[in-house]
PDB file of N, CA and C in Angstrom:
ATOM      1  N   UNK A   1       1.250  -1.183   0.222  1.00  0.00           N
ATOM      2  CA  UNK A   1       0.147   0.367  -0.086  1.00  0.00           C
ATOM      3  C   UNK A   1       1.090   1.214   0.114  1.00  0.00           C
ATOM      4  N   UNK A   2       2.263   0.957   0.114  1.00  0.00           N
ATOM      5  CA  UNK A   2       3.367   2.138   0.213  1.00  0.00           C
ATOM      6  C   UNK A   2       2.952   2.814  -1.680  1.00  0.00           C
ATOM      7  N   UNK A   3       2.559   2.329  -2.150  1.00  0.00           N
ATOM      8  CA  UNK A   3       1.976   2.897  -3.688  1.00  0.00           C
ATOM      9  C   UNK A   3       1.072   3.767  -3.867  1.00  0.00           C
ATOM     10  N   UNK A   4       0.360   3.599  -2.929  1.00  0.00           N
ATOM     11  CA  UNK A   4      -0.924   4.465  -2.902  1.00  0.00           C
ATOM     12  C   UNK A   4      -0.761   5.548  -2.227  1.00  0.00           C
ATOM     13  N   UNK A   5      -0.459   5.494  -0.945  1.00  0.00           N
ATOM     14  CA  UNK A   5       0.191   6.430  -0.159  1.00  0.00           C
ATOM     15  C   UNK A   5       1.260   7.484  -0.902  1.00  0.00           C
ATOM     16  N   UNK A   6       1.869   7.096  -1.654  1.00  0.00           N
ATOM     17  CA  UNK A   6       2.702   8.153  -2.347  1.00  0.00           C
ATOM     18  C   UNK A   6       2.512   8.813  -3.302  1.00  0.00           C
ATOM     19  N   UNK A   7       1.345   8.124  -3.920  1.00  0.00           N
ATOM     20  CA  UNK A   7       0.744   8.925  -4.956  1.00  0.00           C
ATOM     21  C   UNK A   7      -0.416  10.188  -3.915  1.00  0.00           C
ATOM     22  N   UNK A   8      -1.252   9.406  -3.188  1.00  0.00           N
ATOM     23  CA  UNK A   8      -1.587  10.136  -2.005  1.00  0.00           C
ATOM     24  C   UNK A   8      -0.919  11.462  -1.935  1.00  0.00           C
ATOM     25  N   UNK A   9       0.298  11.876  -1.674  1.00  0.00           N
ATOM     26  CA  UNK A   9       1.287  12.433  -1.154  1.00  0.00           C
ATOM     27  C   UNK A   9       1.796  13.367  -2.151  1.00  0.00           C
ATOM     28  N   UNK A  10       1.994  12.380  -3.407  1.00  0.00           N
ATOM     29  CA  UNK A  10       1.827  13.688  -4.500  1.00  0.00           C
ATOM     30  C   UNK A  10       0.730  14.564  -4.654  1.00  0.00           C
ATOM     31  N   UNK A  11      -0.377  13.818  -4.801  1.00  0.00           N
ATOM     32  CA  UNK A  11      -1.547  14.900  -5.059  1.00  0.00           C
ATOM     33  C   UNK A  11      -1.535  16.183  -4.114  1.00  0.00           C
ATOM     34  N   UNK A  12      -1.206  15.392  -2.683  1.00  0.00           N
ATOM     35  CA  UNK A  12      -1.178  16.770  -1.894  1.00  0.00           C
ATOM     36  C   UNK A  12      -0.484  17.899  -1.972  1.00  0.00           C
ATOM     37  N   UNK A  13       0.855  17.437  -2.454  1.00  0.00           N
ATOM     38  CA  UNK A  13       2.260  18.290  -2.737  1.00  0.00           C
ATOM     39  C   UNK A  13       1.556  19.517  -3.574  1.00  0.00           C
ATOM     40  N   UNK A  14       0.599  18.764  -4.984  1.00  0.00           N
ATOM     41  CA  UNK A  14       0.523  18.882  -6.174  1.00  0.00           C
ATOM     42  C   UNK A  14      -0.534  20.802  -5.951  1.00  0.00           C
ATOM     43  N   UNK A  15      -1.117  20.432  -5.113  1.00  0.00           N
ATOM     44  CA  UNK A  15      -2.756  20.478  -4.436  1.00  0.00           C
ATOM     45  C   UNK A  15      -1.925  21.931  -3.879  1.00  0.00           C
ATOM     46  N   UNK A  16      -0.794  21.791  -2.990  1.00  0.00           N
ATOM     47  CA  UNK A  16      -0.164  23.067  -2.208  1.00  0.00           C
ATOM     48  C   UNK A  16       0.699  23.731  -2.694  1.00  0.00           C
ATOM     49  N   UNK A  17       1.486  22.927  -3.530  1.00  0.00           N
ATOM     50  CA  UNK A  17       2.082  23.887  -4.761  1.00  0.00           C
ATOM     51  C   UNK A  17       1.552  24.869  -5.412  1.00  0.00           C
ATOM     52  N   UNK A  18       0.590  24.269  -6.173  1.00  0.00           N
ATOM     53  CA  UNK A  18      -0.507  25.063  -7.187  1.00  0.00           C
ATOM     54  C   UNK A  18      -0.873  26.299  -6.263  1.00  0.00           C
ATOM     55  N   UNK A  19      -1.578  25.881  -4.828  1.00  0.00           N
ATOM     56  CA  UNK A  19      -1.764  27.019  -4.074  1.00  0.00           C
ATOM     57  C   UNK A  19      -0.829  28.160  -3.591  1.00  0.00           C
ATOM     58  N   UNK A  20       0.311  27.783  -3.952  1.00  0.00           N
ATOM     59  CA  UNK A  20       1.910  28.545  -3.453  1.00  0.00           C
ATOM     60  C   UNK A  20       1.386  28.762  -1.932  1.00  0.00           C
ATOM     61  N   UNK A  21       0.850  27.583  -1.053  1.00  0.00           N
ATOM     62  CA  UNK A  21       0.647  27.757   0.065  1.00  0.00           C
ATOM     63  C   UNK A  21       1.410  26.186   1.245  1.00  0.00           C
ATOM     64  N   UNK A  22       2.641  26.356   0.819  1.00  0.00           N
ATOM     65  CA  UNK A  22       3.677  25.464   1.341  1.00  0.00           C
ATOM     66  C   UNK A  22       4.162  25.706   2.277  1.00  0.00           C
ATOM     67  N   UNK A  23       5.027  26.832   2.774  1.00  0.00           N
ATOM     68  CA  UNK A  23       5.833  26.838   3.771  1.00  0.00           C
ATOM     69  C   UNK A  23       7.154  26.746   3.268  1.00  0.00           C
ATOM     70  N   UNK A  24       7.868  27.269   3.801  1.00  0.00           N
ATOM     71  CA  UNK A  24       9.434  26.416   4.275  1.00  0.00           C
ATOM     72  C   UNK A  24       9.216  25.211   3.614  1.00  0.00           C
ATOM     73  N   UNK A  25      10.649  24.549   3.299  1.00  0.00           N
ATOM     74  CA  UNK A  25      10.886  23.043   2.649  1.00  0.00           C
ATOM     75  C   UNK A  25      10.473  22.341   4.186  1.00  0.00           C
ATOM     76  N   UNK A  26      11.081  22.942   5.330  1.00  0.00           N
ATOM     77  CA  UNK A  26      10.788  21.887   6.445  1.00  0.00           C
ATOM     78  C   UNK A  26       9.732  21.951   7.017  1.00  0.00           C
ATOM     79  N   UNK A  27       8.830  23.224   6.685  1.00  0.00           N
ATOM     80  CA  UNK A  27       7.470  23.290   7.438  1.00  0.00           C
ATOM     81  C   UNK A  27       6.411  22.349   6.283  1.00  0.00           C
ATOM     82  N   UNK A  28       6.815  22.585   5.098  1.00  0.00           N
ATOM     83  CA  UNK A  28       6.080  21.442   3.902  1.00  0.00           C
ATOM     84  C   UNK A  28       6.135  20.344   4.166  1.00  0.00           C
ATOM     85  N   UNK A  29       7.664  19.862   4.656  1.00  0.00           N
ATOM     86  CA  UNK A  29       7.978  17.967   4.954  1.00  0.00           C
ATOM     87  C   UNK A  29       7.011  17.936   5.930  1.00  0.00           C
ATOM     88  N   UNK A  30       7.416  18.598   7.165  1.00  0.00           N
ATOM     89  CA  UNK A  30       6.346  18.338   8.087  1.00  0.00           C
ATOM     90  C   UNK A  30       5.036  18.239   8.157  1.00  0.00           C
ATOM     91  N   UNK A  31       4.022  19.220   7.061  1.00  0.00           N
ATOM     92  CA  UNK A  31       3.004  19.189   7.110  1.00  0.00           C
ATOM     93  C   UNK A  31       2.974  17.671   6.394  1.00  0.00           C
ATOM     94  N   UNK A  32       3.886  17.076   5.121  1.00  0.00           N
ATOM     95  CA  UNK A  32       3.439  15.739   5.025  1.00  0.00           C
ATOM     96  C   UNK A  32       3.772  14.809   5.729  1.00  0.00           C
ATOM     97  N   UNK A  33       4.119  14.487   6.822  1.00  0.00           N
ATOM     98  CA  UNK A  33       4.641  13.933   8.113  1.00  0.00           C
ATOM     99  C   UNK A  33       6.009  13.140   7.385  1.00  0.00           C
ATOM    100  N   UNK A  34       6.961  13.955   6.254  1.00  0.00           N
ATOM    101  CA  UNK A  34       8.010  13.134   5.896  1.00  0.00           C
ATOM    102  C   UNK A  34       9.261  14.371   6.361  1.00  0.00           C
ATOM    103  N   UNK A  35      10.688  13.217   6.605  1.00  0.00           N
ATOM    104  CA  UNK A  35      12.058  13.778   7.012  1.00  0.00           C
ATOM    105  C   UNK A  35      11.678  14.679   5.597  1.00  0.00           C
ATOM    106  N   UNK A  36      13.097  15.847   6.178  1.00  0.00           N
ATOM    107  CA  UNK A  36      13.491  16.290   5.038  1.00  0.00           C
ATOM    108  C   UNK A  36      13.870  15.636   3.895  1.00  0.00           C
ATOM    109  N   UNK A  37      14.912  14.776   3.990  1.00  0.00           N
ATOM    110  CA  UNK A  37      15.501  13.830   2.585  1.00  0.00           C
ATOM    111  C   UNK A  37      14.485  13.194   1.724  1.00  0.00           C
ATOM    112  N   UNK A  38      13.406  12.827   2.815  1.00  0.00           N
ATOM    113  CA  UNK A  38      12.301  12.010   2.173  1.00  0.00           C
ATOM    114  C   UNK A  38      11.180  13.129   1.186  1.00  0.00           C
ATOM    115  N   UNK A  39      11.179  13.934   1.732  1.00  0.00           N
ATOM    116  CA  UNK A  39      10.400  15.186   1.315  1.00  0.00           C
ATOM    117  C   UNK A  39      10.785  15.672  -0.429  1.00  0.00           C
ATOM    118  N   UNK A  40      12.578  15.644  -0.329  1.00  0.00           N
ATOM    119  CA  UNK A  40      13.402  15.911  -1.284  1.00  0.00           C
ATOM    120  C   UNK A  40      13.130  14.481  -2.439  1.00  0.00           C
ATOM    121  N   UNK A  41      12.997  13.569  -1.917  1.00  0.00           N
ATOM    122  CA  UNK A  41      12.979  12.336  -3.042  1.00  0.00           C
ATOM    123  C   UNK A  41      11.394  12.753  -3.636  1.00  0.00           C
ATOM    124  N   UNK A  42      10.178  13.065  -2.749  1.00  0.00           N
ATOM    125  CA  UNK A  42       9.101  13.480  -3.240  1.00  0.00           C
ATOM    126  C   UNK A  42       8.865  14.494  -4.180  1.00  0.00           C
ATOM    127  N   UNK A  43       9.898  15.727  -4.014  1.00  0.00           N
ATOM    128  CA  UNK A  43      10.092  16.759  -4.789  1.00  0.00           C
ATOM    129  C   UNK A  43      10.562  16.226  -6.184  1.00  0.00           C
ATOM    130  N   UNK A  44      11.579  15.297  -5.771  1.00  0.00           N
ATOM    131  CA  UNK A  44      12.162  15.175  -7.436  1.00  0.00           C
ATOM    132  C   UNK A  44      11.412  14.338  -8.179  1.00  0.00           C
ATOM    133  N   UNK A  45      10.436  13.587  -7.191  1.00  0.00           N
ATOM    134  CA  UNK A  45       9.714  12.547  -8.687  1.00  0.00           C
ATOM    135  C   UNK A  45       8.725  13.806  -9.244  1.00  0.00           C
ATOM    136  N   UNK A  46       8.055  14.563  -8.808  1.00  0.00           N
ATOM    137  CA  UNK A  46       7.547  15.636  -9.085  1.00  0.00           C
ATOM    138  C   UNK A  46       8.160  16.234 -10.534  1.00  0.00           C
ATOM    139  N   UNK A  47       9.507  16.486 -10.094  1.00  0.00           N
ATOM    140  CA  UNK A  47      10.163  17.138 -10.809  1.00  0.00           C
ATOM    141  C   UNK A  47      10.145  16.584 -12.458  1.00  0.00           C
ATOM    142  N   UNK A  48      10.490  14.799 -11.981  1.00  0.00           N
ATOM    143  CA  UNK A  48      10.685  13.998 -12.892  1.00  0.00           C
ATOM    144  C   UNK A  48       9.515  13.899 -14.291  1.00  0.00           C
ATOM    145  N   UNK A  49       8.466  14.250 -13.656  1.00  0.00           N
ATOM    146  CA  UNK A  49       7.297  14.576 -14.346  1.00  0.00           C
ATOM    147  C   UNK A  49       6.852  15.939 -15.082  1.00  0.00           C
ATOM    148  N   UNK A  50       8.007  16.688 -15.424  1.00  0.00           N
ATOM    149  CA  UNK A  50       8.645  17.709 -15.933  1.00  0.00           C
ATOM    150  C   UNK A  50       7.677  19.004 -15.263  1.00  0.00           C
ATOM    151  N   UNK A  51       7.595  18.759 -14.374  1.00  0.00           N
ATOM    152  CA  UNK A  51       7.082  19.889 -13.565  1.00  0.00           C
ATOM    153  C   UNK A  51       7.886  20.774 -13.054  1.00  0.00           C
ATOM    154  N   UNK A  52       7.353  22.148 -13.507  1.00  0.00           N
ATOM    155  CA  UNK A  52       8.348  23.399 -13.388  1.00  0.00           C
ATOM    156  C   UNK A  52       8.348  24.170 -12.112  1.00  0.00           C
ATOM    157  N   UNK A  53       8.250  23.418 -10.851  1.00  0.00           N
ATOM    158  CA  UNK A  53       8.726  23.619  -9.733  1.00  0.00           C
ATOM    159  C   UNK A  53      10.033  24.566  -9.220  1.00  0.00           C
ATOM    160  N   UNK A  54       9.342  25.589  -8.486  1.00  0.00           N
ATOM    161  CA  UNK A  54      10.524  26.233  -7.982  1.00  0.00           C
ATOM    162  C   UNK A  54      10.144  27.007  -6.500  1.00  0.00           C
ATOM    163  N   UNK A  55      11.326  27.567  -6.087  1.00  0.00           N
ATOM    164  CA  UNK A  55      11.199  28.080  -4.495  1.00  0.00           C
ATOM    165  C   UNK A  55      11.053  29.462  -4.626  1.00  0.00           C
ATOM    166  N   UNK A  56      10.064  30.187  -3.486  1.00  0.00           N
ATOM    167  CA  UNK A  56      10.330  31.720  -3.317  1.00  0.00           C
ATOM    168  C   UNK A  56      11.157  31.882  -2.051  1.00  0.00           C
ATOM    169  N   UNK A  57      12.343  32.521  -1.592  1.00  0.00           N
ATOM    170  CA  UNK A  57      12.805  32.821  -0.408  1.00  0.00           C
ATOM    171  C   UNK A  57      11.731  33.756   0.021  1.00  0.00           C
ATOM    172  N   UNK A  58      11.451  34.946  -0.064  1.00  0.00           N
ATOM    173  CA  UNK A  58      10.553  35.926   0.251  1.00  0.00           C
ATOM    174  C   UNK A  58       9.321  35.241   0.431  1.00  0.00           C
ATOM    175  N   UNK A  59       8.744  34.816   0.037  1.00  0.00           N
ATOM    176  CA  UNK A  59       7.137  34.475  -0.435  1.00  0.00           C
ATOM    177  C   UNK A  59       7.033  32.852   0.965  1.00  0.00           C
ATOM    178  N   UNK A  60       8.941  33.069   0.712  1.00  0.00           N
ATOM    179  CA  UNK A  60       8.520  31.439   1.701  1.00  0.00           C
ATOM    180  C   UNK A  60       7.391  30.409   0.973  1.00  0.00           C
ATOM    181  N   UNK A  61       7.345  29.895  -0.206  1.00  0.00           N
ATOM    182  CA  UNK A  61       6.467  28.807  -0.957  1.00  0.00           C
ATOM    183  C   UNK A  61       7.351  28.222  -2.198  1.00  0.00           C
ATOM    184  N   UNK A  62       6.926  27.036  -2.366  1.00  0.00           N
ATOM    185  CA  UNK A  62       7.037  26.490  -3.577  1.00  0.00           C
ATOM    186  C   UNK A  62       5.758  27.132  -4.737  1.00  0.00           C
ATOM    187  N   UNK A  63       6.212  26.954  -5.966  1.00  0.00           N
ATOM    188  CA  UNK A  63       5.325  27.248  -6.775  1.00  0.00           C
ATOM    189  C   UNK A  63       5.791  26.926  -8.077  1.00  0.00           C
ATOM    190  N   UNK A  64       4.943  26.550  -9.227  1.00  0.00           N
ATOM    191  CA  UNK A  64       4.808  26.446 -10.418  1.00  0.00           C
ATOM    192  C   UNK A  64       5.624  27.740 -11.174  1.00  0.00           C
ATOM    193  N   UNK A  65       6.598  27.465 -11.604  1.00  0.00           N
ATOM    194  CA  UNK A  65       7.008  28.934 -12.814  1.00  0.00           C
ATOM    195  C   UNK A  65       6.327  28.592 -13.915  1.00  0.00           C
ATOM    196  N   UNK A  66       5.303  27.825 -14.437  1.00  0.00           N
ATOM    197  CA  UNK A  66       4.449  27.963 -15.340  1.00  0.00           C
ATOM    198  C   UNK A  66       3.171  26.862 -14.898  1.00  0.00           C
ATOM    199  N   UNK A  67       2.375  27.480 -15.676  1.00  0.00           N
ATOM    200  CA  UNK A  67       0.727  26.232 -15.507  1.00  0.00           C
ATOM    201  C   UNK A  67       0.802  25.303 -15.727  1.00  0.00           C
ATOM    202  N   UNK A  68       0.902  24.098 -14.577  1.00  0.00           N
ATOM    203  CA  UNK A  68       1.124  22.696 -14.785  1.00  0.00           C
ATOM    204  C   UNK A  68      -0.068  21.944 -14.512  1.00  0.00           C
ATOM    205  N   UNK A  69      -0.685  20.980 -15.229  1.00  0.00           N
ATOM    206  CA  UNK A  69      -1.406  19.855 -14.271  1.00  0.00           C
ATOM    207  C   UNK A  69      -1.277  18.706 -14.275  1.00  0.00           C
ATOM    208  N   UNK A  70      -1.405  18.175 -12.630  1.00  0.00           N
ATOM    209  CA  UNK A  70      -0.935  17.257 -12.618  1.00  0.00           C
ATOM    210  C   UNK A  70      -2.363  16.109 -12.800  1.00  0.00           C
ATOM    211  N   UNK A  71      -2.586  14.932 -13.480  1.00  0.00           N
ATOM    212  CA  UNK A  71      -3.581  14.187 -13.292  1.00  0.00           C
ATOM    213  C   UNK A  71      -3.284  13.009 -13.469  1.00  0.00           C
ATOM    214  N   UNK A  72      -3.780  12.341 -12.238  1.00  0.00           N
ATOM    215  CA  UNK A  72      -3.744  10.934 -11.638  1.00  0.00           C
ATOM    216  C   UNK A  72      -4.427  10.137 -11.687  1.00  0.00           C
ATOM    217  N   UNK A  73      -4.397   9.028 -12.334  1.00  0.00           N
ATOM    218  CA  UNK A  73      -5.318   7.698 -12.679  1.00  0.00           C
ATOM    219  C   UNK A  73      -4.984   6.687 -11.965  1.00  0.00           C
ATOM    220  N   UNK A  74      -5.213   5.638 -11.167  1.00  0.00           N
ATOM    221  CA  UNK A  74      -4.932   4.610 -10.971  1.00  0.00           C
ATOM    222  C   UNK A  74      -5.819   3.551 -10.722  1.00  0.00           C
ATOM    223  N   UNK A  75      -6.106   2.477 -10.670  1.00  0.00           N
ATOM    224  CA  UNK A  75      -7.093   1.379 -10.770  1.00  0.00           C
ATOM    225  C   UNK A  75      -6.693   0.096  -9.801  1.00  0.00           C
ATOM    226  N   UNK A  76      -7.213  -0.002  -8.766  1.00  0.00           N
ATOM    227  CA  UNK A  76      -6.528  -1.084  -7.846  1.00  0.00           C
ATOM    228  C   UNK A  76      -8.578  -2.431  -7.820  1.00  0.00           C
ATOM    229  N   UNK A  77      -7.615  -3.957  -8.258  1.00  0.00           N
ATOM    230  CA  UNK A  77      -8.498  -4.402  -7.789  1.00  0.00           C
ATOM    231  C   UNK A  77      -8.112  -5.911  -7.180  1.00  0.00           C
ATOM    232  N   UNK A  78      -8.707  -6.603  -6.758  1.00  0.00           N
ATOM    233  CA  UNK A  78      -8.383  -7.882  -5.642  1.00  0.00           C
ATOM    234  C   UNK A  78      -9.010  -8.983  -6.792  1.00  0.00           C
ATOM    235  N   UNK A  79      -8.442  -9.730  -7.237  1.00  0.00           N
ATOM    236  CA  UNK A  79      -8.565 -10.783  -8.113  1.00  0.00           C
ATOM    237  C   UNK A  79      -8.417 -12.113  -7.105  1.00  0.00           C
ATOM    238  N   UNK A  80      -9.687 -12.987  -7.327  1.00  0.00           N
ATOM    239  CA  UNK A  80      -9.598 -13.962  -6.600  1.00  0.00           C
ATOM    240  C   UNK A  80      -9.183 -15.008  -7.177  1.00  0.00           C
ATOM    241  N   UNK A  81      -8.521 -16.385  -6.695  1.00  0.00           N
ATOM    242  CA  UNK A  81      -8.324 -17.224  -6.857  1.00  0.00           C
ATOM    243  C   UNK A  81      -8.789 -18.084  -8.287  1.00  0.00           C
ATOM    244  N   UNK A  82     -10.003 -18.361  -8.663  1.00  0.00           N
ATOM    245  CA  UNK A  82     -10.359 -18.767  -9.749  1.00  0.00           C
ATOM    246  C   UNK A  82     -10.979 -17.485 -10.689  1.00  0.00           C
ATOM    247  N   UNK A  83     -10.429 -16.596 -10.336  1.00  0.00           N
ATOM    248  CA  UNK A  83     -10.364 -15.390 -11.574  1.00  0.00           C
ATOM    249  C   UNK A  83      -9.278 -15.606 -12.042  1.00  0.00           C
ATOM    250  N   UNK A  84      -7.971 -15.605 -10.675  1.00  0.00           N
ATOM    251  CA  UNK A  84      -6.673 -15.846 -12.126  1.00  0.00           C
ATOM    252  C   UNK A  84      -6.213 -17.258 -12.678  1.00  0.00           C
ATOM    253  N   UNK A  85      -7.004 -18.180 -12.531  1.00  0.00           N
ATOM    254  CA  UNK A  85      -7.093 -19.280 -13.567  1.00  0.00           C
ATOM    255  C   UNK A  85      -7.896 -19.002 -14.403  1.00  0.00           C
ATOM    256  N   UNK A  86      -8.661 -18.017 -14.882  1.00  0.00           N
ATOM    257  CA  UNK A  86      -9.331 -17.903 -15.926  1.00  0.00           C
ATOM    258  C   UNK A  86      -8.418 -17.057 -16.440  1.00  0.00           C
ATOM    259  N   UNK A  87      -7.659 -15.704 -16.042  1.00  0.00           N
ATOM    260  CA  UNK A  87      -7.310 -14.692 -16.747  1.00  0.00           C
ATOM    261  C   UNK A  87      -6.076 -14.921 -17.145  1.00  0.00           C
ATOM    262  N   UNK A  88      -5.248 -16.017 -16.645  1.00  0.00           N
ATOM    263  CA  UNK A  88      -4.109 -16.487 -17.221  1.00  0.00           C
ATOM    264  C   UNK A  88      -3.931 -17.775 -17.392  1.00  0.00           C
ATOM    265  N   UNK A  89      -5.038 -18.631 -17.741  1.00  0.00           N
ATOM    266  CA  UNK A  89      -4.980 -19.239 -19.060  1.00  0.00           C
ATOM    267  C   UNK A  89      -4.989 -21.114 -18.308  1.00  0.00           C
ATOM    268  N   UNK A  90      -5.396 -20.917 -16.757  1.00  0.00           N
ATOM    269  CA  UNK A  90      -5.303 -21.614 -15.635  1.00  0.00           C
ATOM    270  C   UNK A  90      -3.747 -22.120 -15.045  1.00  0.00           C
ATOM    271  N   UNK A  91      -3.821 -23.015 -14.597  1.00  0.00           N
ATOM    272  CA  UNK A  91      -2.824 -23.968 -13.740  1.00  0.00           C
ATOM    273  C   UNK A  91      -2.349 -24.598 -14.581  1.00  0.00           C
ATOM    274  N   UNK A  92      -2.473 -25.530 -15.701  1.00  0.00           N
ATOM    275  CA  UNK A  92      -1.419 -26.072 -16.300  1.00  0.00           C
ATOM    276  C   UNK A  92      -1.144 -25.873 -17.723  1.00  0.00           C
ATOM    277  N   UNK A  93      -0.819 -24.419 -17.932  1.00  0.00           N
ATOM    278  CA  UNK A  93      -0.161 -24.021 -19.049  1.00  0.00           C
ATOM    279  C   UNK A  93       0.753 -24.407 -19.491  1.00  0.00           C
ATOM    280  N   UNK A  94       1.124 -25.062 -20.647  1.00  0.00           N
ATOM    281  CA  UNK A  94       1.986 -25.830 -21.405  1.00  0.00           C
ATOM    282  C   UNK A  94       2.080 -24.994 -22.660  1.00  0.00           C
ATOM    283  N   UNK A  95       3.429 -24.318 -22.694  1.00  0.00           N
ATOM    284  CA  UNK A  95       3.561 -23.740 -24.172  1.00  0.00           C
ATOM    285  C   UNK A  95       3.964 -24.246 -24.825  1.00  0.00           C
ATOM    286  N   UNK A  96       3.684 -24.266 -26.608  1.00  0.00           N
ATOM    287  CA  UNK A  96       3.955 -25.097 -27.716  1.00  0.00           C
ATOM    288  C   UNK A  96       5.068 -24.950 -28.471  1.00  0.00           C
ATOM    289  N   UNK A  97       5.869 -25.047 -29.664  1.00  0.00           N
ATOM    290  CA  UNK A  97       6.018 -24.538 -30.377  1.00  0.00           C
ATOM    291  C   UNK A  97       4.941 -24.385 -31.919  1.00  0.00           C
ATOM    292  N   UNK A  98       4.734 -23.674 -32.714  1.00  0.00           N
ATOM    293  CA  UNK A  98       4.281 -24.143 -34.121  1.00  0.00           C
ATOM    294  C   UNK A  98       3.771 -25.294 -34.213  1.00  0.00           C
ATOM    295  N   UNK A  99       5.035 -26.197 -34.645  1.00  0.00           N
ATOM    296  CA  UNK A  99       4.894 -27.942 -34.980  1.00  0.00           C
ATOM    297  C   UNK A  99       4.805 -28.673 -33.810  1.00  0.00           C
ATOM    298  N   UNK A 100       3.839 -27.679 -32.769  1.00  0.00           N
ATOM    299  CA  UNK A 100       2.992 -28.565 -31.533  1.00  0.00           C
ATOM    300  C   UNK A 100       4.129 -29.352 -30.183  1.00  0.00           C
ATOM    301  N   UNK A 101       4.922 -29.689 -30.304  1.00  0.00           N
ATOM    302  CA  UNK A 101       6.332 -29.896 -29.754  1.00  0.00           C
ATOM    303  C   UNK A 101       5.984 -29.110 -28.298  1.00  0.00           C
ATOM    304  N   UNK A 102       6.160 -29.747 -27.254  1.00  0.00           N
ATOM    305  CA  UNK A 102       6.280 -28.903 -26.183  1.00  0.00           C
ATOM    306  C   UNK A 102       7.377 -28.797 -25.706  1.00  0.00           C
ATOM    307  N   UNK A 103       7.233 -27.335 -25.022  1.00  0.00           N
ATOM    308  CA  UNK A 103       9.029 -27.117 -24.362  1.00  0.00           C
ATOM    309  C   UNK A 103       8.538 -26.715 -22.901  1.00  0.00           C
ATOM    310  N   UNK A 104       9.194 -26.597 -22.393  1.00  0.00           N
ATOM    311  CA  UNK A 104       9.363 -26.484 -20.664  1.00  0.00           C
ATOM    312  C   UNK A 104       9.964 -25.023 -20.111  1.00  0.00           C
ATOM    313  N   UNK A 105       9.425 -24.614 -19.089  1.00  0.00           N
ATOM    314  CA  UNK A 105       9.648 -23.385 -18.662  1.00  0.00           C
ATOM    315  C   UNK A 105      10.459 -23.712 -17.588  1.00  0.00           C
ATOM    316  N   UNK A 106      11.192 -24.601 -17.398  1.00  0.00           N
ATOM    317  CA  UNK A 106      11.731 -25.194 -16.022  1.00  0.00           C
ATOM    318  C   UNK A 106      13.133 -24.915 -16.240  1.00  0.00           C
TER     319      UNK A 106
END
């Protein structure tokens, strides 16, 4: 579930950066319940998405230098054992070559 937490955290960071209401880096990190180094790792992840993030010392806030939209969409579904057999072709899957010769994956 760390993946979901990270996505939610990035969405929260984006919201605060967009509103220019982050505070100093330390304040921002505390608000997100992160250490300073963890905070900068998350910020780097946002920057890797080409977000034009800057920091203004005078206003003590992070902001986007140019308009930036972040859209995060994900889906999570639990699959039961009988459903996985249907999806993955059953439990006795044995690949074969075009001439019908069976091959082993082991």
